[in-house]
């Protein structure tokens, strides 16, 4: 049984499929091309976007600078 299947089948063996929900994704990164590639990958897997907001600079903290560069 896969990790997801254990949440779909309850103790009685009956299907317990969750109700549809809205997938919300936030992407953090320094390169626009990679962000757009990630958006395209998400659309390919989950279908068209309902909403895409403009990119906002993440300049509140330098916590991710060593791993991801600056600015984000």
PDB file of N, CA and C in Angstrom:
ATOM      1  N   UNK A   1       0.852  -1.174   0.000  1.00  0.00           N
ATOM      2  CA  UNK A   1       0.000   0.000   0.000  1.00  0.00           C
ATOM      3  C   UNK A   1       0.898   1.237   0.000  1.00  0.00           C
ATOM      4  N   UNK A   2       0.640   2.149  -0.922  1.00  0.00           N
ATOM      5  CA  UNK A   2       1.455   3.361  -1.003  1.00  0.00           C
ATOM      6  C   UNK A   2       1.097   4.309   0.130  1.00  0.00           C
ATOM      7  N   UNK A   3       1.902   5.335   0.296  1.00  0.00           N
ATOM      8  CA  UNK A   3       1.660   6.319   1.345  1.00  0.00           C
ATOM      9  C   UNK A   3       0.302   6.977   1.215  1.00  0.00           C
ATOM     10  N   UNK A   4      -0.120   7.270  -0.023  1.00  0.00           N
ATOM     11  CA  UNK A   4      -1.404   7.916  -0.238  1.00  0.00           C
ATOM     12  C   UNK A   4      -2.560   6.958   0.000  1.00  0.00           C
ATOM     13  N   UNK A   5      -2.397   5.693  -0.390  1.00  0.00           N
ATOM     14  CA  UNK A   5      -3.491   4.726  -0.260  1.00  0.00           C
ATOM     15  C   UNK A   5      -3.925   4.538   1.184  1.00  0.00           C
ATOM     16  N   UNK A   6      -3.016   4.640   2.135  1.00  0.00           N
ATOM     17  CA  UNK A   6      -3.409   4.439   3.531  1.00  0.00           C
ATOM     18  C   UNK A   6      -4.366   5.523   4.011  1.00  0.00           C
ATOM     19  N   UNK A   7      -4.390   6.679   3.326  1.00  0.00           N
ATOM     20  CA  UNK A   7      -5.328   7.727   3.693  1.00  0.00           C
ATOM     21  C   UNK A   7      -6.650   7.604   2.949  1.00  0.00           C
ATOM     22  N   UNK A   8      -6.664   6.868   1.844  1.00  0.00           N
ATOM     23  CA  UNK A   8      -7.877   6.723   1.043  1.00  0.00           C
ATOM     24  C   UNK A   8      -8.749   5.575   1.549  1.00  0.00           C
ATOM     25  N   UNK A   9      -8.157   4.527   2.085  1.00  0.00           N
ATOM     26  CA  UNK A   9      -8.909   3.368   2.562  1.00  0.00           C
ATOM     27  C   UNK A   9      -8.980   3.427   4.081  1.00  0.00           C
ATOM     28  N   UNK A  10     -10.206   3.402   4.631  1.00  0.00           N
ATOM     29  CA  UNK A  10     -10.336   3.428   6.090  1.00  0.00           C
ATOM     30  C   UNK A  10     -10.285   2.007   6.650  1.00  0.00           C
ATOM     31  N   UNK A  11     -10.426   1.855   7.945  1.00  0.00           N
ATOM     32  CA  UNK A  11     -10.272   0.562   8.606  1.00  0.00           C
ATOM     33  C   UNK A  11     -11.227  -0.511   8.128  1.00  0.00           C
ATOM     34  N   UNK A  12     -12.396  -0.134   7.607  1.00  0.00           N
ATOM     35  CA  UNK A  12     -13.361  -1.142   7.158  1.00  0.00           C
ATOM     36  C   UNK A  12     -13.114  -1.570   5.717  1.00  0.00           C
ATOM     37  N   UNK A  13     -12.114  -1.013   5.072  1.00  0.00           N
ATOM     38  CA  UNK A  13     -11.814  -1.367   3.697  1.00  0.00           C
ATOM     39  C   UNK A  13     -12.651  -0.620   2.677  1.00  0.00           C
ATOM     40  N   UNK A  14     -13.496   0.306   3.131  1.00  0.00           N
ATOM     41  CA  UNK A  14     -14.310   1.098   2.213  1.00  0.00           C
ATOM     42  C   UNK A  14     -13.513   2.312   1.746  1.00  0.00           C
ATOM     43  N   UNK A  15     -13.792   2.714   0.506  1.00  0.00           N
ATOM     44  CA  UNK A  15     -13.135   3.914  -0.010  1.00  0.00           C
ATOM     45  C   UNK A  15     -13.495   5.118   0.850  1.00  0.00           C
ATOM     46  N   UNK A  16     -12.511   5.930   1.114  1.00  0.00           N
ATOM     47  CA  UNK A  16     -12.702   7.141   1.894  1.00  0.00           C
ATOM     48  C   UNK A  16     -12.008   8.279   1.151  1.00  0.00           C
ATOM     49  N   UNK A  17     -12.454   8.543  -0.085  1.00  0.00           N
ATOM     50  CA  UNK A  17     -11.811   9.557  -0.912  1.00  0.00           C
ATOM     51  C   UNK A  17     -12.120  10.949  -0.369  1.00  0.00           C
ATOM     52  N   UNK A  18     -11.114  11.784  -0.236  1.00  0.00           N
ATOM     53  CA  UNK A  18     -11.351  13.147   0.239  1.00  0.00           C
ATOM     54  C   UNK A  18     -12.102  13.961  -0.807  1.00  0.00           C
ATOM     55  N   UNK A  19     -12.783  15.001  -0.354  1.00  0.00           N
ATOM     56  CA  UNK A  19     -13.467  15.900  -1.271  1.00  0.00           C
ATOM     57  C   UNK A  19     -12.424  16.707  -2.043  1.00  0.00           C
ATOM     58  N   UNK A  20     -12.756  17.109  -3.262  1.00  0.00           N
ATOM     59  CA  UNK A  20     -11.816  17.936  -4.026  1.00  0.00           C
ATOM     60  C   UNK A  20     -11.458  19.200  -3.246  1.00  0.00           C
ATOM     61  N   UNK A  21     -10.232  19.632  -3.394  1.00  0.00           N
ATOM     62  CA  UNK A  21      -9.758  20.826  -2.703  1.00  0.00           C
ATOM     63  C   UNK A  21      -8.901  21.646  -3.661  1.00  0.00           C
ATOM     64  N   UNK A  22      -8.704  22.885  -3.333  1.00  0.00           N
ATOM     65  CA  UNK A  22      -7.879  23.778  -4.133  1.00  0.00           C
ATOM     66  C   UNK A  22      -6.424  23.631  -3.719  1.00  0.00           C
ATOM     67  N   UNK A  23      -5.564  23.381  -4.688  1.00  0.00           N
ATOM     68  CA  UNK A  23      -4.131  23.285  -4.433  1.00  0.00           C
ATOM     69  C   UNK A  23      -3.552  24.692  -4.419  1.00  0.00           C
ATOM     70  N   UNK A  24      -2.881  25.051  -3.340  1.00  0.00           N
ATOM     71  CA  UNK A  24      -2.246  26.358  -3.207  1.00  0.00           C
ATOM     72  C   UNK A  24      -0.743  26.150  -3.133  1.00  0.00           C
ATOM     73  N   UNK A  25      -0.003  26.825  -4.007  1.00  0.00           N
ATOM     74  CA  UNK A  25       1.449  26.651  -4.081  1.00  0.00           C
ATOM     75  C   UNK A  25       2.120  28.018  -4.017  1.00  0.00           C
ATOM     76  N   UNK A  26       3.179  28.098  -3.247  1.00  0.00           N
ATOM     77  CA  UNK A  26       4.026  29.287  -3.205  1.00  0.00           C
ATOM     78  C   UNK A  26       5.429  28.851  -3.608  1.00  0.00           C
ATOM     79  N   UNK A  27       6.049  29.577  -4.519  1.00  0.00           N
ATOM     80  CA  UNK A  27       7.371  29.209  -5.020  1.00  0.00           C
ATOM     81  C   UNK A  27       8.351  30.324  -4.676  1.00  0.00           C
ATOM     82  N   UNK A  28       9.493  29.934  -4.157  1.00  0.00           N
ATOM     83  CA  UNK A  28      10.528  30.883  -3.762  1.00  0.00           C
ATOM     84  C   UNK A  28      11.799  30.567  -4.536  1.00  0.00           C
ATOM     85  N   UNK A  29      12.357  31.547  -5.220  1.00  0.00           N
ATOM     86  CA  UNK A  29      13.584  31.303  -5.968  1.00  0.00           C
ATOM     87  C   UNK A  29      14.109  32.565  -6.619  1.00  0.00           C
ATOM     88  N   UNK A  30      15.393  32.565  -6.990  1.00  0.00           N
ATOM     89  CA  UNK A  30      16.011  33.769  -7.534  1.00  0.00           C
ATOM     90  C   UNK A  30      15.937  33.924  -9.055  1.00  0.00           C
ATOM     91  N   UNK A  31      15.566  32.880  -9.789  1.00  0.00           N
ATOM     92  CA  UNK A  31      15.643  32.939 -11.250  1.00  0.00           C
ATOM     93  C   UNK A  31      14.264  32.801 -11.881  1.00  0.00           C
ATOM     94  N   UNK A  32      13.852  33.830 -12.637  1.00  0.00           N
ATOM     95  CA  UNK A  32      12.526  33.828 -13.253  1.00  0.00           C
ATOM     96  C   UNK A  32      12.301  32.631 -14.162  1.00  0.00           C
ATOM     97  N   UNK A  33      13.330  32.230 -14.931  1.00  0.00           N
ATOM     98  CA  UNK A  33      13.152  31.108 -15.861  1.00  0.00           C
ATOM     99  C   UNK A  33      12.807  29.821 -15.110  1.00  0.00           C
ATOM    100  N   UNK A  34      13.469  29.595 -13.985  1.00  0.00           N
ATOM    101  CA  UNK A  34      13.196  28.380 -13.209  1.00  0.00           C
ATOM    102  C   UNK A  34      11.827  28.447 -12.545  1.00  0.00           C
ATOM    103  N   UNK A  35      11.428  29.632 -12.119  1.00  0.00           N
ATOM    104  CA  UNK A  35      10.097  29.777 -11.533  1.00  0.00           C
ATOM    105  C   UNK A  35       9.027  29.488 -12.578  1.00  0.00           C
ATOM    106  N   UNK A  36       9.211  30.013 -13.779  1.00  0.00           N
ATOM    107  CA  UNK A  36       8.247  29.755 -14.857  1.00  0.00           C
ATOM    108  C   UNK A  36       8.234  28.284 -15.256  1.00  0.00           C
ATOM    109  N   UNK A  37       9.387  27.635 -15.223  1.00  0.00           N
ATOM    110  CA  UNK A  37       9.444  26.196 -15.515  1.00  0.00           C
ATOM    111  C   UNK A  37       8.683  25.413 -14.447  1.00  0.00           C
ATOM    112  N   UNK A  38       8.799  25.836 -13.196  1.00  0.00           N
ATOM    113  CA  UNK A  38       8.067  25.168 -12.110  1.00  0.00           C
ATOM    114  C   UNK A  38       6.564  25.351 -12.289  1.00  0.00           C
ATOM    115  N   UNK A  39       6.149  26.546 -12.684  1.00  0.00           N
ATOM    116  CA  UNK A  39       4.727  26.805 -12.938  1.00  0.00           C
ATOM    117  C   UNK A  39       4.227  25.907 -14.070  1.00  0.00           C
ATOM    118  N   UNK A  40       5.000  25.791 -15.136  1.00  0.00           N
ATOM    119  CA  UNK A  40       4.611  24.931 -16.261  1.00  0.00           C
ATOM    120  C   UNK A  40       4.504  23.472 -15.822  1.00  0.00           C
ATOM    121  N   UNK A  41       5.422  23.016 -14.992  1.00  0.00           N
ATOM    122  CA  UNK A  41       5.379  21.638 -14.475  1.00  0.00           C
ATOM    123  C   UNK A  41       4.122  21.416 -13.634  1.00  0.00           C
ATOM    124  N   UNK A  42       3.790  22.378 -12.790  1.00  0.00           N
ATOM    125  CA  UNK A  42       2.583  22.260 -11.967  1.00  0.00           C
ATOM    126  C   UNK A  42       1.331  22.215 -12.838  1.00  0.00           C
ATOM    127  N   UNK A  43       1.284  23.061 -13.869  1.00  0.00           N
ATOM    128  CA  UNK A  43       0.134  23.047 -14.779  1.00  0.00           C
ATOM    129  C   UNK A  43       0.019  21.709 -15.501  1.00  0.00           C
ATOM    130  N   UNK A  44       1.152  21.137 -15.879  1.00  0.00           N
ATOM    131  CA  UNK A  44       1.134  19.839 -16.542  1.00  0.00           C
ATOM    132  C   UNK A  44       0.613  18.730 -15.648  1.00  0.00           C
ATOM    133  N   UNK A  45       0.910  18.818 -14.373  1.00  0.00           N
ATOM    134  CA  UNK A  45       0.487  17.768 -13.439  1.00  0.00           C
ATOM    135  C   UNK A  45      -0.916  17.975 -12.891  1.00  0.00           C
ATOM    136  N   UNK A  46      -1.301  19.243 -12.652  1.00  0.00           N
ATOM    137  CA  UNK A  46      -2.545  19.513 -11.941  1.00  0.00           C
ATOM    138  C   UNK A  46      -3.578  20.288 -12.748  1.00  0.00           C
ATOM    139  N   UNK A  47      -3.235  20.676 -13.981  1.00  0.00           N
ATOM    140  CA  UNK A  47      -4.184  21.413 -14.807  1.00  0.00           C
ATOM    141  C   UNK A  47      -3.942  22.913 -14.751  1.00  0.00           C
ATOM    142  N   UNK A  48      -4.779  23.664 -15.463  1.00  0.00           N
ATOM    143  CA  UNK A  48      -4.566  25.104 -15.576  1.00  0.00           C
ATOM    144  C   UNK A  48      -4.693  25.820 -14.230  1.00  0.00           C
ATOM    145  N   UNK A  49      -3.998  26.929 -14.136  1.00  0.00           N
ATOM    146  CA  UNK A  49      -4.023  27.732 -12.915  1.00  0.00           C
ATOM    147  C   UNK A  49      -5.327  28.503 -12.806  1.00  0.00           C
ATOM    148  N   UNK A  50      -5.800  28.681 -11.592  1.00  0.00           N
ATOM    149  CA  UNK A  50      -6.929  29.576 -11.340  1.00  0.00           C
ATOM    150  C   UNK A  50      -6.437  31.008 -11.183  1.00  0.00           C
ATOM    151  N   UNK A  51      -5.219  31.152 -10.657  1.00  0.00           N
ATOM    152  CA  UNK A  51      -4.686  32.479 -10.370  1.00  0.00           C
ATOM    153  C   UNK A  51      -3.163  32.406 -10.337  1.00  0.00           C
ATOM    154  N   UNK A  52      -2.518  33.421 -10.870  1.00  0.00           N
ATOM    155  CA  UNK A  52      -1.064  33.553 -10.786  1.00  0.00           C
ATOM    156  C   UNK A  52      -0.781  35.000 -10.415  1.00  0.00           C
ATOM    157  N   UNK A  53      -0.211  35.208  -9.250  1.00  0.00           N
ATOM    158  CA  UNK A  53       0.074  36.566  -8.798  1.00  0.00           C
ATOM    159  C   UNK A  53       1.431  37.020  -9.321  1.00  0.00           C
ATOM    160  N   UNK A  54       1.661  38.322  -9.362  1.00  0.00           N
ATOM    161  CA  UNK A  54       2.978  38.816  -9.769  1.00  0.00           C
ATOM    162  C   UNK A  54       4.049  38.375  -8.768  1.00  0.00           C
ATOM    163  N   UNK A  55       5.272  38.269  -9.254  1.00  0.00           N
ATOM    164  CA  UNK A  55       6.383  37.936  -8.360  1.00  0.00           C
ATOM    165  C   UNK A  55       6.622  39.092  -7.399  1.00  0.00           C
ATOM    166  N   UNK A  56       6.876  38.749  -6.174  1.00  0.00           N
ATOM    167  CA  UNK A  56       7.192  39.736  -5.144  1.00  0.00           C
ATOM    168  C   UNK A  56       8.597  39.472  -4.640  1.00  0.00           C
ATOM    169  N   UNK A  57       9.380  40.515  -4.402  1.00  0.00           N
ATOM    170  CA  UNK A  57      10.727  40.288  -3.867  1.00  0.00           C
ATOM    171  C   UNK A  57      10.652  39.761  -2.438  1.00  0.00           C
ATOM    172  N   UNK A  58      11.469  38.776  -2.145  1.00  0.00           N
ATOM    173  CA  UNK A  58      11.566  38.252  -0.777  1.00  0.00           C
ATOM    174  C   UNK A  58      12.813  38.878  -0.171  1.00  0.00           C
ATOM    175  N   UNK A  59      12.632  40.056   0.409  1.00  0.00           N
ATOM    176  CA  UNK A  59      13.762  40.768   0.989  1.00  0.00           C
ATOM    177  C   UNK A  59      13.562  41.047   2.476  1.00  0.00           C
ATOM    178  N   UNK A  60      12.740  40.225   3.103  1.00  0.00           N
ATOM    179  CA  UNK A  60      12.441  40.382   4.522  1.00  0.00           C
ATOM    180  C   UNK A  60      13.509  39.747   5.397  1.00  0.00           C
ATOM    181  N   UNK A  61      14.246  38.816   4.823  1.00  0.00           N
ATOM    182  CA  UNK A  61      15.234  38.052   5.575  1.00  0.00           C
ATOM    183  C   UNK A  61      16.304  37.560   4.606  1.00  0.00           C
ATOM    184  N   UNK A  62      17.507  37.372   5.115  1.00  0.00           N
ATOM    185  CA  UNK A  62      18.577  36.796   4.290  1.00  0.00           C
ATOM    186  C   UNK A  62      18.797  35.327   4.673  1.00  0.00           C
ATOM    187  N   UNK A  63      17.802  34.729   5.298  1.00  0.00           N
ATOM    188  CA  UNK A  63      17.899  33.361   5.801  1.00  0.00           C
ATOM    189  C   UNK A  63      18.279  32.367   4.703  1.00  0.00           C
ATOM    190  N   UNK A  64      17.724  32.518   3.516  1.00  0.00           N
ATOM    191  CA  UNK A  64      17.947  31.562   2.420  1.00  0.00           C
ATOM    192  C   UNK A  64      19.119  31.950   1.515  1.00  0.00           C
ATOM    193  N   UNK A  65      19.821  33.020   1.823  1.00  0.00           N
ATOM    194  CA  UNK A  65      20.859  33.542   0.926  1.00  0.00           C
ATOM    195  C   UNK A  65      21.941  32.517   0.601  1.00  0.00           C
ATOM    196  N   UNK A  66      22.428  31.799   1.570  1.00  0.00           N
ATOM    197  CA  UNK A  66      23.510  30.839   1.335  1.00  0.00           C
ATOM    198  C   UNK A  66      23.083  29.739   0.360  1.00  0.00           C
ATOM    199  N   UNK A  67      21.847  29.275   0.490  1.00  0.00           N
ATOM    200  CA  UNK A  67      21.360  28.179  -0.355  1.00  0.00           C
ATOM    201  C   UNK A  67      20.856  28.642  -1.717  1.00  0.00           C
ATOM    202  N   UNK A  68      20.212  29.815  -1.755  1.00  0.00           N
ATOM    203  CA  UNK A  68      19.480  30.206  -2.956  1.00  0.00           C
ATOM    204  C   UNK A  68      19.954  31.511  -3.585  1.00  0.00           C
ATOM    205  N   UNK A  69      20.880  32.201  -2.963  1.00  0.00           N
ATOM    206  CA  UNK A  69      21.347  33.472  -3.499  1.00  0.00           C
ATOM    207  C   UNK A  69      20.522  34.638  -2.986  1.00  0.00           C
ATOM    208  N   UNK A  70      20.878  35.813  -3.477  1.00  0.00           N
ATOM    209  CA  UNK A  70      20.186  37.034  -3.065  1.00  0.00           C
ATOM    210  C   UNK A  70      20.113  37.963  -4.259  1.00  0.00           C
ATOM    211  N   UNK A  71      19.098  38.677  -4.513  1.00  0.00           N
ATOM    212  CA  UNK A  71      17.818  38.644  -3.811  1.00  0.00           C
ATOM    213  C   UNK A  71      16.935  37.523  -4.341  1.00  0.00           C
ATOM    214  N   UNK A  72      15.915  37.219  -3.606  1.00  0.00           N
ATOM    215  CA  UNK A  72      14.940  36.201  -4.007  1.00  0.00           C
ATOM    216  C   UNK A  72      13.691  36.903  -4.505  1.00  0.00           C
TER     217      UNK A  72
END
